[in-house]
Amino acid sequence: MLFNGYEFNLSLEELTDIVENKTREIELIGPEDETYQALSEGDKQALEHLIKAASIINNVALEQDHPLNRSFKTAFEKKENKTPLEEKAYALFLSFNGVAGLNGIDPEPIEIFKGVHTSKGKNFYPANMSVDEFHNLLISMLEKGKIDEVKKILSNRTMVRLRGGYLQAIDYTDYFAYEFSKIANELELAAYYTTDHELKDYLSWQAQAFLQNNEDMDMLADKHWALMQNNPIEFTVSRENYEDELTGTVFENEKLKKLLELHQIEVNPKDTLGCRVGLNNKAGTELILKSKDTLPYLAKLMPFADRYEQKIEKNAKQTMVDVDLMALKGDYAMCRGGITTAQNLPNDDKLAVKTGGGRRNVYHRQVRFSHDSEREKKLLNLLVDPQLHPYFKSQMRHYFVIGHENGHSLGPDSSFKNALGIYAHTIEEHKANTVSIAFLGKIAETFGTYTPTELKEIYTTWVISLFLRSKPVISKPHRVADLIEFNYLLKHNVISFDGENKLHIDFGKIPTVMYRLLEETIEIQLSKSASKAKEFIDKWSDWSEISEYIANTQKQLGLKPYIRLITKF
């Protein structure tokens, strides 16, 4: 059976099992929400346009991800009276927000259609371009003096195509001119209707950033966005570069690496666009803001702080909000083995941060609350010593996440991180985890934030979150980071497993051991060495017998690695 010219790669039985048995739902807020009902009519109209803008941004992300995504999306949307096979395939397409994706369990991507594969460079680069071909073309261009073009190719805001035997970079504002114009129009309409003057100001700048081939406009939009704290409406255009697995490989080619250093060419993987629309939850935001005062204090405690410039000072611009989600589109909706719980943006590679702009942490309430309490109880009974059961509380993971997002604001900047190539994201996510746990005791002692019992609850809940469901692949940096920390704790006797494979925790060792791990991690970032990063990751990401036992136990309990977003707007 052909669909849009391709055969399905999965049977009806396989798709039915995925959609009906292995997918969990995350329900976003709808028009009945009290906060939404309390908005002015102008703000409600503004939200309509912001959600339309988010849908167009989704189309941009689809094209960035795979050259066939948009044609399949159109085919699914236009097909009336879909067969059961087509219905189930469409559901999986919506879960991945694309034709293929990792599920966090299997080592290779799940592909919906035969012959439709993913590639390291996604659709940012020419189809099926190998790593060697990419490197050789760049070397050839540099040797022929095409320095400026290589700079554009290795920037985070260009699509790259093969023209006349050379690579050519096309700025997003040119490649997506039609879509960006429509997005800008929706943002301008939203700015017209909203009663929130700060949001109005930001949307006007963001609209211009979509229209101009000028990184300064992105910078100005980011700076205005990062200042928003007490605004009722949340709107984010995210630009993160986790999906591009090709650009960072340039650091693995010594000849190419030396040429890039010679010509002082900065290397940034490509940004995939995402969009978030929601409403600020005041109570949740007040809780998160309590962590803001800890940042200048933690900056002084960071290892080797005298060897890099700290971004956090006493009056650092750092806003934080807890958001009830209305829509997640683009990169956010690519639920491929996980979904974003919180973010700290803009990233270090963005001009806004480099020029002294602030950062903004945004937390996703609906994602945070989408856990299975019954399954958690079964997991505790099978893998955790009964004395630790009272200390496991799902809601305490939120405090770890707060520390993680704050951790991204600490430590070496992007010039150190990006030099680690394809390992940069893994080391950075691991660093943020380690910052969060290493300093919990100091924060509790200095700021009185947590009681001794609460500390144990956070520690226990975090350690159990390190129980993986399968051996992670390098393209999933958060999960590789979890494995590194699990193995490090095990090696240093912070955690242990008895004869029945039940977890035990030595709470007293956690601060010292985790600070030691943080020191090793910062040293890796300061080294600017991709090979040292790889060596560190290889050393601490071994898949042991206990990891395999935990993974098999998780599978016996049943896994739901796929996600369906229930959107009501």
Protein backbone atom coordinates (compact mmCIF):
# COMPACT_ATOMS: atom_id res chain seq x y z
CA MET A 1 0.00 0.00 0.00
CA LEU A 2 1.44 3.34 -1.08
CA PHE A 3 0.90 6.65 0.71
CA ASN A 4 2.28 9.84 -0.84
CA GLY A 5 4.30 7.56 -3.12
CA TYR A 6 5.91 5.48 -0.34
CA GLU A 7 5.23 2.18 1.38
CA PHE A 8 4.62 2.06 5.10
CA ASN A 9 7.57 0.68 7.04
CA LEU A 10 5.43 -0.48 9.98
CA SER A 11 2.46 -2.84 9.96
CA LEU A 12 -0.99 -1.97 11.30
CA GLU A 13 -0.30 -4.25 14.27
CA GLU A 14 2.99 -2.47 15.07
CA LEU A 15 1.48 1.00 14.71
CA THR A 16 -1.56 0.07 16.79
CA ASP A 17 0.70 -1.19 19.59
CA ILE A 18 2.70 2.07 19.49
CA VAL A 19 -0.30 4.39 19.42
CA GLU A 20 -2.60 2.54 21.83
CA ASN A 21 -0.18 0.88 24.26
CA LYS A 22 3.10 2.78 24.17
CA THR A 23 2.02 6.42 23.96
CA ARG A 24 1.38 8.72 26.89
CA GLU A 25 -0.74 11.83 26.58
CA ILE A 26 0.12 15.32 27.80
CA GLU A 27 -2.95 17.52 27.88
CA LEU A 28 -2.36 21.24 27.44
CA ILE A 29 -4.74 23.87 28.82
CA GLY A 30 -7.83 24.95 26.88
CA PRO A 31 -10.33 27.81 26.72
CA GLU A 32 -11.90 26.66 30.00
CA ASP A 33 -8.74 27.57 31.94
CA GLU A 34 -9.47 30.22 34.59
CA THR A 35 -6.37 32.28 33.81
CA TYR A 36 -7.30 32.36 30.13
CA GLN A 37 -10.88 33.33 30.95
CA ALA A 38 -9.61 36.27 33.02
CA LEU A 39 -7.65 37.75 30.09
CA SER A 40 -8.87 40.85 28.30
CA GLU A 41 -10.47 40.38 24.89
CA GLY A 42 -7.45 42.05 23.33
CA ASP A 43 -5.08 39.52 24.88
CA LYS A 44 -7.31 36.65 23.77
CA GLN A 45 -7.17 37.98 20.21
CA ALA A 46 -3.40 38.33 20.52
CA LEU A 47 -3.16 34.68 21.55
CA GLU A 48 -5.08 33.61 18.44
CA HIS A 49 -2.41 35.23 16.28
CA LEU A 50 0.45 33.85 18.38
CA ILE A 51 -0.93 30.32 17.96
CA LYS A 52 -1.18 30.89 14.20
CA ALA A 53 2.45 32.05 14.19
CA ALA A 54 3.41 28.91 16.13
CA SER A 55 1.80 26.71 13.46
CA ILE A 56 3.80 28.40 10.70
CA ILE A 57 6.99 28.03 12.75
CA ASN A 58 6.13 24.34 12.95
CA ASN A 59 6.23 24.14 9.16
CA VAL A 60 9.68 25.74 9.16
CA ALA A 61 10.95 23.19 11.69
CA LEU A 62 9.48 20.35 9.65
CA GLU A 63 11.45 21.44 6.61
CA GLN A 64 14.63 21.92 8.62
CA ASP A 65 14.28 18.37 9.89
CA HIS A 66 13.57 16.41 6.69
CA PRO A 67 12.90 17.35 3.04
CA LEU A 68 9.76 15.15 2.92
CA ASN A 69 8.14 16.17 6.21
CA ARG A 70 5.90 18.88 4.82
CA SER A 71 4.69 16.84 1.86
CA PHE A 72 3.70 13.98 4.18
CA LYS A 73 2.00 16.41 6.58
CA THR A 74 -0.05 17.84 3.70
CA ALA A 75 -0.91 14.35 2.43
CA PHE A 76 -2.12 13.26 5.88
CA GLU A 77 -4.17 16.43 6.37
CA LYS A 78 -5.82 16.24 2.94
CA LYS A 79 -6.61 12.52 2.98
CA GLU A 80 -10.27 11.95 3.81
CA ASN A 81 -11.52 8.61 5.08
CA LYS A 82 -8.11 7.44 6.19
CA THR A 83 -7.60 3.70 6.55
CA PRO A 84 -6.77 2.41 10.06
CA LEU A 85 -3.14 2.05 8.93
CA GLU A 86 -3.04 5.68 7.76
CA GLU A 87 -4.71 6.92 10.95
CA LYS A 88 -2.17 5.19 13.16
CA ALA A 89 0.74 6.33 10.97
CA TYR A 90 -0.53 9.91 11.16
CA ALA A 91 -0.66 9.67 14.96
CA LEU A 92 2.98 8.55 15.04
CA PHE A 93 3.92 11.30 12.58
CA LEU A 94 2.37 13.87 14.94
CA SER A 95 4.21 12.35 17.91
CA PHE A 96 7.58 12.62 16.15
CA ASN A 97 6.53 15.81 14.35
CA GLY A 98 8.19 14.22 11.36
CA VAL A 99 8.69 11.06 9.32
CA ALA A 100 11.10 9.40 11.76
CA GLY A 101 12.61 9.70 15.20
CA LEU A 102 14.27 8.00 18.11
CA ASN A 103 11.97 6.67 20.81
CA GLY A 104 14.52 6.59 23.63
CA ILE A 105 14.55 2.78 23.69
CA ASP A 106 15.69 1.48 20.32
CA PRO A 107 19.19 2.54 19.19
CA GLU A 108 18.07 3.40 15.66
CA PRO A 109 15.30 5.82 14.57
CA ILE A 110 11.81 4.45 14.03
CA GLU A 111 10.97 5.15 10.39
CA ILE A 112 7.34 5.41 9.32
CA PHE A 113 7.99 4.91 5.58
CA LYS A 114 10.30 2.58 3.70
CA GLY A 115 13.32 4.32 2.25
CA VAL A 116 12.68 7.57 4.14
CA HIS A 117 15.69 7.85 6.42
CA THR A 118 17.12 10.56 8.65
CA SER A 119 20.66 11.90 8.29
CA LYS A 120 23.19 13.59 10.57
CA GLY A 121 22.73 16.92 8.81
CA LYS A 122 18.93 16.63 8.70
CA ASN A 123 17.71 18.95 5.91
CA PHE A 124 20.14 21.70 6.92
CA TYR A 125 22.64 20.12 4.55
CA PRO A 126 22.41 18.35 1.17
CA ALA A 127 20.66 14.99 1.36
CA ASN A 128 22.84 12.03 2.33
CA MET A 129 26.02 14.10 2.61
CA SER A 130 28.64 12.01 4.42
CA VAL A 131 30.88 13.36 7.14
CA ASP A 132 33.98 12.91 4.98
CA GLU A 133 32.40 14.65 2.00
CA PHE A 134 31.37 17.55 4.24
CA HIS A 135 34.87 17.92 5.68
CA ASN A 136 36.60 17.67 2.30
CA LEU A 137 34.35 20.31 0.74
CA LEU A 138 35.05 22.72 3.61
CA ILE A 139 38.80 22.11 3.40
CA SER A 140 38.73 22.71 -0.35
CA MET A 141 36.77 25.94 0.09
CA LEU A 142 39.13 27.22 2.78
CA GLU A 143 42.20 26.42 0.68
CA LYS A 144 40.61 28.36 -2.20
CA GLY A 145 40.05 31.40 0.01
CA LYS A 146 36.27 31.10 0.42
CA ILE A 147 36.56 32.10 4.07
CA ASP A 148 33.41 34.22 4.38
CA GLU A 149 31.26 31.53 2.79
CA VAL A 150 32.57 28.88 5.20
CA LYS A 151 31.75 31.22 8.09
CA LYS A 152 28.16 31.36 6.86
CA ILE A 153 28.03 27.61 6.32
CA LEU A 154 29.11 26.99 9.92
CA SER A 155 26.74 29.56 11.42
CA ASN A 156 23.60 28.47 13.22
CA ARG A 157 21.10 30.28 10.96
CA THR A 158 21.72 28.98 7.44
CA MET A 159 20.45 26.20 5.22
CA VAL A 160 23.29 24.75 3.12
CA ARG A 161 23.02 23.47 -0.43
CA LEU A 162 25.47 22.13 -3.04
CA ARG A 163 25.93 24.51 -5.96
CA GLY A 164 28.59 24.19 -8.66
CA GLY A 165 30.66 21.74 -6.66
CA TYR A 166 30.76 23.98 -3.57
CA LEU A 167 28.58 24.41 -0.52
CA GLN A 168 26.43 27.53 -0.40
CA ALA A 169 24.82 28.97 2.74
CA ILE A 170 21.35 30.51 2.56
CA ASP A 171 20.22 32.59 5.53
CA TYR A 172 16.96 31.48 7.15
CA THR A 173 15.37 34.83 6.33
CA ASP A 174 15.99 34.14 2.63
CA TYR A 175 15.32 30.41 2.54
CA PHE A 176 12.10 30.75 4.56
CA ALA A 177 11.17 34.22 3.31
CA TYR A 178 7.54 33.27 2.60
CA GLU A 179 6.99 31.60 5.99
CA PHE A 180 8.89 34.26 7.92
CA SER A 181 6.81 37.01 6.32
CA LYS A 182 3.62 35.28 7.43
CA ILE A 183 4.99 34.74 10.94
CA ALA A 184 5.99 38.40 11.21
CA ASN A 185 2.51 39.45 10.14
CA GLU A 186 0.90 37.33 12.86
CA LEU A 187 3.29 38.74 15.48
CA GLU A 188 2.52 42.30 14.42
CA LEU A 189 -1.21 41.60 14.71
CA ALA A 190 -0.68 40.06 18.15
CA ALA A 191 1.34 43.14 19.16
CA TYR A 192 -1.52 45.34 18.00
CA TYR A 193 -4.14 43.52 20.11
CA THR A 194 -2.28 42.76 23.33
CA THR A 195 -2.67 45.04 26.34
CA ASP A 196 0.77 44.00 27.66
CA HIS A 197 3.21 46.74 26.68
CA GLU A 198 6.35 44.65 27.31
CA LEU A 199 4.98 41.80 25.18
CA LYS A 200 3.96 44.31 22.51
CA ASP A 201 7.50 45.65 22.44
CA TYR A 202 9.07 42.20 22.25
CA LEU A 203 6.74 41.00 19.48
CA SER A 204 7.56 44.02 17.37
CA TRP A 205 11.27 43.29 17.63
CA GLN A 206 10.73 39.58 16.99
CA ALA A 207 8.67 40.34 13.88
CA GLN A 208 11.53 42.42 12.50
CA ALA A 209 14.00 39.64 13.29
CA PHE A 210 12.01 37.33 10.99
CA LEU A 211 12.17 39.89 8.18
CA GLN A 212 15.81 40.98 8.24
CA ASN A 213 18.97 39.05 7.42
CA ASN A 214 20.69 40.58 10.41
CA GLU A 215 21.80 38.73 13.55
CA ASP A 216 21.53 42.02 15.45
CA MET A 217 17.74 41.83 15.13
CA ASP A 218 17.73 38.38 16.74
CA MET A 219 19.91 39.85 19.48
CA LEU A 220 17.53 42.73 20.15
CA ALA A 221 14.47 40.46 20.13
CA ASP A 222 16.20 38.03 22.53
CA LYS A 223 17.16 40.85 24.87
CA HIS A 224 13.60 42.12 25.08
CA TRP A 225 12.23 38.59 25.54
CA ALA A 226 14.66 37.84 28.37
CA LEU A 227 13.39 40.81 30.39
CA MET A 228 9.78 39.60 30.61
CA GLN A 229 8.92 38.48 34.14
CA ASN A 230 5.39 39.41 35.19
CA ASN A 231 3.67 39.15 31.81
CA PRO A 232 0.46 37.08 31.68
CA ILE A 233 1.15 35.67 28.19
CA GLU A 234 4.15 33.47 27.42
CA PHE A 235 5.44 33.39 23.85
CA THR A 236 8.83 31.99 22.91
CA VAL A 237 10.62 31.46 19.64
CA SER A 238 13.29 28.91 20.55
CA ARG A 239 16.50 28.37 18.60
CA GLU A 240 18.40 25.33 19.84
CA ASN A 241 20.84 23.16 17.94
CA TYR A 242 20.48 19.63 19.29
CA GLU A 243 19.15 18.11 16.05
CA ASP A 244 22.13 18.96 13.81
CA GLU A 245 24.67 16.15 14.26
CA LEU A 246 26.87 17.08 11.29
CA THR A 247 28.29 20.55 11.94
CA GLY A 248 30.04 19.59 15.18
CA THR A 249 32.00 16.82 13.47
CA VAL A 250 34.41 19.41 12.02
CA PHE A 251 36.41 19.25 15.26
CA GLU A 252 37.17 15.57 14.62
CA ASN A 253 39.14 16.38 11.46
CA GLU A 254 42.52 17.74 12.60
CA LYS A 255 43.37 19.38 9.27
CA LEU A 256 39.98 21.09 9.09
CA LYS A 257 40.12 22.07 12.75
CA LYS A 258 43.49 23.80 12.26
CA LEU A 259 42.21 25.69 9.21
CA LEU A 260 39.15 26.87 11.12
CA GLU A 261 41.36 28.06 13.99
CA LEU A 262 43.72 29.77 11.54
CA HIS A 263 40.88 31.78 10.03
CA GLN A 264 39.15 32.30 13.41
CA ILE A 265 35.90 30.73 12.21
CA GLU A 266 33.33 30.12 14.92
CA VAL A 267 31.42 26.86 14.61
CA ASN A 268 27.77 26.64 15.67
CA PRO A 269 25.40 23.78 14.81
CA LYS A 270 22.16 24.72 13.07
CA ASP A 271 19.20 26.04 15.03
CA THR A 272 15.90 24.20 14.77
CA LEU A 273 13.02 26.60 15.39
CA GLY A 274 10.45 25.90 18.08
CA CYS A 275 7.54 27.87 19.48
CA ARG A 276 5.85 27.88 22.87
CA VAL A 277 2.58 29.62 23.74
CA GLY A 278 1.13 29.66 27.24
CA LEU A 279 0.12 31.60 30.32
CA ASN A 280 2.26 32.57 33.29
CA ASN A 281 1.34 30.61 36.43
CA LYS A 282 1.93 33.09 39.25
CA ALA A 283 2.17 30.63 42.15
CA GLY A 284 4.58 28.37 40.28
CA THR A 285 6.67 31.35 39.19
CA GLU A 286 6.99 32.67 42.75
CA LEU A 287 8.40 29.32 43.86
CA ILE A 288 10.99 29.25 41.05
CA LEU A 289 12.07 32.84 41.63
CA LYS A 290 13.30 31.90 45.11
CA SER A 291 16.31 30.28 43.42
CA LYS A 292 17.38 33.48 41.66
CA ASP A 293 19.34 34.85 44.61
CA THR A 294 21.49 31.72 44.73
CA LEU A 295 23.12 32.34 41.35
CA PRO A 296 25.76 34.96 42.33
CA TYR A 297 26.59 32.81 45.36
CA LEU A 298 27.00 29.66 43.26
CA ALA A 299 29.12 31.48 40.69
CA LYS A 300 31.78 31.98 43.36
CA LEU A 301 31.70 28.29 44.25
CA MET A 302 32.18 27.02 40.69
CA PRO A 303 35.42 25.08 40.09
CA PHE A 304 38.25 26.99 38.39
CA ALA A 305 36.14 30.17 38.36
CA ASP A 306 39.27 32.28 37.85
CA ARG A 307 39.90 30.64 34.46
CA TYR A 308 36.78 31.91 32.71
CA GLU A 309 34.46 34.89 32.85
CA GLN A 310 31.34 34.33 34.92
CA LYS A 311 28.11 35.52 33.34
CA ILE A 312 26.30 35.74 36.64
CA GLU A 313 26.95 38.80 38.77
CA LYS A 314 25.01 40.25 41.69
CA ASN A 315 22.56 42.14 39.49
CA ALA A 316 22.42 39.58 36.68
CA LYS A 317 19.44 39.80 34.36
CA GLN A 318 17.78 36.43 34.92
CA THR A 319 14.02 36.07 34.64
CA MET A 320 12.14 32.89 35.52
CA VAL A 321 8.55 31.83 34.82
CA ASP A 322 6.37 28.75 35.31
CA VAL A 323 4.02 28.32 32.38
CA ASP A 324 0.70 26.61 31.71
CA LEU A 325 1.11 25.46 28.12
CA MET A 326 -1.36 26.15 25.32
CA ALA A 327 0.80 25.08 22.37
CA LEU A 328 4.19 23.50 21.70
CA LYS A 329 5.28 23.56 18.07
CA GLY A 330 8.35 22.93 15.94
CA ASP A 331 11.35 21.68 17.88
CA TYR A 332 9.29 21.44 21.09
CA ALA A 333 6.81 19.08 19.40
CA MET A 334 9.48 16.67 18.11
CA CYS A 335 8.83 14.18 20.89
CA ARG A 336 11.57 11.69 20.10
CA GLY A 337 12.30 9.79 23.27
CA GLY A 338 11.41 12.72 25.51
CA ILE A 339 9.98 16.21 25.78
CA THR A 340 11.34 19.47 27.16
CA THR A 341 10.53 20.06 30.84
CA ALA A 342 12.23 23.44 31.12
CA GLN A 343 14.65 25.71 29.27
CA ASN A 344 17.29 28.33 29.93
CA LEU A 345 17.51 30.62 26.88
CA PRO A 346 19.09 32.26 24.91
CA ASN A 347 21.93 29.76 24.66
CA ASP A 348 25.53 30.90 25.07
CA ASP A 349 26.16 30.91 21.31
CA LYS A 350 23.56 33.63 20.76
CA LEU A 351 24.66 37.23 20.24
CA ALA A 352 22.28 38.49 22.94
CA VAL A 353 24.20 36.59 25.62
CA LYS A 354 27.60 37.45 24.16
CA THR A 355 26.75 41.16 24.33
CA GLY A 356 25.55 41.12 27.92
CA GLY A 357 21.86 40.38 27.54
CA GLY A 358 19.89 38.48 30.14
CA ARG A 359 18.61 34.93 30.17
CA ARG A 360 15.18 33.50 30.86
CA ASN A 361 14.18 30.18 32.42
CA VAL A 362 10.78 28.81 31.41
CA TYR A 363 9.23 25.72 33.05
CA HIS A 364 6.52 23.53 31.52
CA ARG A 365 3.86 22.66 34.09
CA GLN A 366 1.83 20.21 32.00
CA VAL A 367 4.94 18.21 31.12
CA ARG A 368 6.09 18.20 34.72
CA PHE A 369 2.81 16.77 36.01
CA SER A 370 2.52 14.00 33.41
CA HIS A 371 3.94 11.13 35.47
CA ASP A 372 2.45 7.69 36.21
CA SER A 373 2.25 7.35 40.01
CA GLU A 374 1.12 3.70 39.94
CA ARG A 375 4.06 2.67 37.80
CA GLU A 376 6.41 4.60 40.08
CA LYS A 377 5.20 2.59 43.08
CA LYS A 378 5.87 -0.68 41.27
CA LEU A 379 9.33 0.52 40.29
CA LEU A 380 10.17 1.36 43.90
CA ASN A 381 9.06 -2.06 45.09
CA LEU A 382 11.25 -3.82 42.54
CA LEU A 383 14.42 -1.71 42.58
CA VAL A 384 14.63 0.43 45.74
CA ASP A 385 15.32 -0.43 49.37
CA PRO A 386 12.09 0.08 51.37
CA GLN A 387 13.81 2.55 53.71
CA LEU A 388 14.18 4.94 50.77
CA HIS A 389 10.55 4.74 49.63
CA PRO A 390 9.34 7.63 51.85
CA TYR A 391 11.98 9.88 50.28
CA PHE A 392 10.79 9.37 46.70
CA LYS A 393 8.39 12.15 45.69
CA SER A 394 7.89 12.97 42.00
CA GLN A 395 7.28 16.65 42.72
CA MET A 396 10.75 16.98 44.24
CA ARG A 397 12.33 16.44 40.81
CA HIS A 398 11.14 19.96 40.01
CA TYR A 399 13.71 21.33 42.48
CA PHE A 400 16.45 19.38 40.74
CA VAL A 401 15.30 20.78 37.37
CA ILE A 402 15.40 24.33 38.77
CA GLY A 403 19.02 23.74 39.78
CA HIS A 404 19.76 22.20 36.37
CA GLU A 405 18.44 25.21 34.45
CA ASN A 406 20.32 27.58 36.73
CA GLY A 407 23.41 25.44 36.14
CA HIS A 408 23.35 26.38 32.46
CA SER A 409 23.96 29.99 33.51
CA LEU A 410 27.17 29.00 35.28
CA GLY A 411 30.56 27.87 34.04
CA PRO A 412 32.54 28.34 30.80
CA ASP A 413 30.86 30.08 27.86
CA SER A 414 30.14 28.81 24.34
CA SER A 415 33.69 29.37 23.08
CA PHE A 416 34.74 26.52 25.38
CA LYS A 417 31.64 24.36 24.95
CA ASN A 418 31.34 24.40 21.18
CA ALA A 419 34.96 23.31 20.76
CA LEU A 420 33.87 19.90 22.07
CA GLY A 421 32.02 19.30 18.80
CA ILE A 422 29.37 16.57 18.82
CA TYR A 423 30.08 15.95 22.52
CA ALA A 424 29.36 19.55 23.59
CA HIS A 425 25.68 19.04 24.39
CA THR A 426 26.29 15.90 26.44
CA ILE A 427 28.98 17.57 28.54
CA GLU A 428 26.88 20.72 29.02
CA GLU A 429 23.73 18.85 30.07
CA HIS A 430 25.81 16.70 32.39
CA LYS A 431 27.44 19.83 33.85
CA ALA A 432 24.02 21.36 34.56
CA ASN A 433 22.91 18.16 36.32
CA THR A 434 26.06 18.12 38.40
CA VAL A 435 25.78 21.78 39.38
CA SER A 436 22.24 21.17 40.59
CA ILE A 437 23.13 18.28 42.90
CA ALA A 438 26.60 19.36 44.01
CA PHE A 439 25.38 22.61 45.54
CA LEU A 440 22.04 21.58 47.08
CA GLY A 441 23.55 21.18 50.53
CA LYS A 442 25.31 24.57 50.34
CA ILE A 443 22.08 26.25 49.22
CA ALA A 444 20.14 24.63 52.07
CA GLU A 445 22.79 25.69 54.58
CA THR A 446 23.17 29.28 53.34
CA PHE A 447 19.64 30.18 52.26
CA GLY A 448 17.54 27.81 54.38
CA THR A 449 15.77 26.66 51.23
CA TYR A 450 15.49 22.95 52.09
CA THR A 451 15.12 20.96 55.29
CA PRO A 452 17.34 17.87 55.81
CA THR A 453 14.36 15.67 54.92
CA GLU A 454 13.67 17.63 51.75
CA LEU A 455 17.31 17.27 50.72
CA LYS A 456 17.01 13.51 51.03
CA GLU A 457 13.81 13.62 48.99
CA ILE A 458 15.47 15.57 46.19
CA TYR A 459 18.55 13.33 46.22
CA THR A 460 16.49 10.12 46.22
CA THR A 461 14.11 11.24 43.51
CA TRP A 462 17.01 12.38 41.34
CA VAL A 463 18.97 9.14 41.75
CA ILE A 464 15.92 7.07 40.78
CA SER A 465 15.47 9.29 37.72
CA LEU A 466 18.88 7.97 36.60
CA PHE A 467 17.33 4.51 36.12
CA LEU A 468 17.48 4.24 32.34
CA ARG A 469 15.20 2.19 30.13
CA SER A 470 17.85 1.35 27.53
CA LYS A 471 21.44 2.14 26.66
CA PRO A 472 21.41 5.74 25.39
CA VAL A 473 22.90 6.95 22.12
CA ILE A 474 25.14 10.02 21.85
CA SER A 475 22.40 11.97 20.05
CA LYS A 476 20.40 11.94 23.32
CA PRO A 477 22.69 14.03 25.55
CA HIS A 478 20.37 14.16 28.57
CA ARG A 479 20.22 10.37 28.81
CA VAL A 480 23.97 9.91 28.28
CA ALA A 481 24.49 12.46 31.06
CA ASP A 482 22.22 10.39 33.33
CA LEU A 483 24.32 7.28 32.67
CA ILE A 484 27.56 9.14 33.39
CA GLU A 485 26.25 10.28 36.77
CA PHE A 486 24.81 6.86 37.63
CA ASN A 487 28.15 5.17 36.96
CA TYR A 488 30.13 7.83 38.81
CA LEU A 489 27.93 7.48 41.90
CA LEU A 490 28.24 3.69 41.71
CA LYS A 491 32.04 3.79 41.31
CA HIS A 492 32.44 6.13 44.31
CA ASN A 493 30.07 4.13 46.54
CA VAL A 494 27.46 6.85 46.81
CA ILE A 495 24.90 4.36 45.56
CA SER A 496 24.97 0.56 45.79
CA PHE A 497 22.74 -2.41 45.10
CA ASP A 498 22.24 -5.33 47.49
CA GLY A 499 21.85 -9.02 46.67
CA GLU A 500 18.26 -8.40 45.59
CA ASN A 501 19.34 -5.53 43.29
CA LYS A 502 17.70 -2.94 45.54
CA LEU A 503 19.11 0.60 45.59
CA HIS A 504 20.84 2.05 48.68
CA ILE A 505 22.13 5.64 48.98
CA ASP A 506 24.88 7.08 51.18
CA PHE A 507 23.52 10.63 51.42
CA GLY A 508 26.57 11.96 53.27
CA LYS A 509 28.87 11.34 50.30
CA ILE A 510 26.76 13.09 47.67
CA PRO A 511 28.02 16.72 47.99
CA THR A 512 31.73 15.84 47.99
CA VAL A 513 31.57 13.27 45.21
CA MET A 514 29.38 15.41 42.97
CA TYR A 515 31.64 18.44 43.42
CA ARG A 516 34.59 16.27 42.40
CA LEU A 517 32.64 15.21 39.31
CA LEU A 518 31.84 18.86 38.58
CA GLU A 519 35.55 19.68 38.71
CA GLU A 520 36.31 16.96 36.17
CA THR A 521 33.50 18.19 33.95
CA ILE A 522 34.60 21.84 33.97
CA GLU A 523 38.14 20.71 33.17
CA ILE A 524 36.78 18.97 30.07
CA GLN A 525 35.04 22.16 28.92
CA LEU A 526 38.12 24.27 29.61
CA SER A 527 40.27 21.87 27.59
CA LYS A 528 38.43 22.70 24.35
CA SER A 529 39.29 19.15 23.33
CA ALA A 530 36.70 16.98 21.59
CA SER A 531 38.95 13.95 22.10
CA LYS A 532 39.10 14.51 25.87
CA ALA A 533 35.32 14.93 25.94
CA LYS A 534 34.91 11.65 24.07
CA GLU A 535 37.36 9.90 26.40
CA PHE A 536 35.44 11.16 29.45
CA ILE A 537 32.07 10.10 28.03
CA ASP A 538 33.36 6.68 26.96
CA LYS A 539 34.85 6.10 30.40
CA TRP A 540 31.66 6.89 32.32
CA SER A 541 28.94 5.67 29.97
CA ASP A 542 29.63 1.96 30.27
CA TRP A 543 26.47 -0.16 30.15
CA SER A 544 26.86 -2.49 33.12
CA GLU A 545 24.96 -5.56 34.31
CA ILE A 546 23.01 -3.50 36.86
CA SER A 547 22.04 -1.00 34.15
CA GLU A 548 20.80 -3.86 31.98
CA TYR A 549 18.88 -5.32 34.93
CA ILE A 550 17.22 -1.96 35.63
CA ALA A 551 16.33 -1.53 31.96
CA ASN A 552 14.80 -5.02 31.77
CA THR A 553 12.80 -4.33 34.94
CA GLN A 554 11.51 -1.11 33.41
CA LYS A 555 10.44 -2.99 30.28
CA GLN A 556 8.60 -5.58 32.38
CA LEU A 557 6.58 -2.76 33.91
CA GLY A 558 5.69 -1.51 30.44
CA LEU A 559 7.12 1.49 28.64
CA LYS A 560 5.41 4.45 27.00
CA PRO A 561 8.26 6.13 25.12
CA TYR A 562 5.99 7.96 22.66
CA ILE A 563 4.15 11.19 23.46
CA ARG A 564 0.90 12.67 22.19
CA LEU A 565 0.26 16.36 22.85
CA ILE A 566 -3.43 17.12 23.36
CA THR A 567 -3.87 20.70 22.18
CA LYS A 568 -7.21 22.47 22.60
CA PHE A 569 -6.52 25.78 20.87
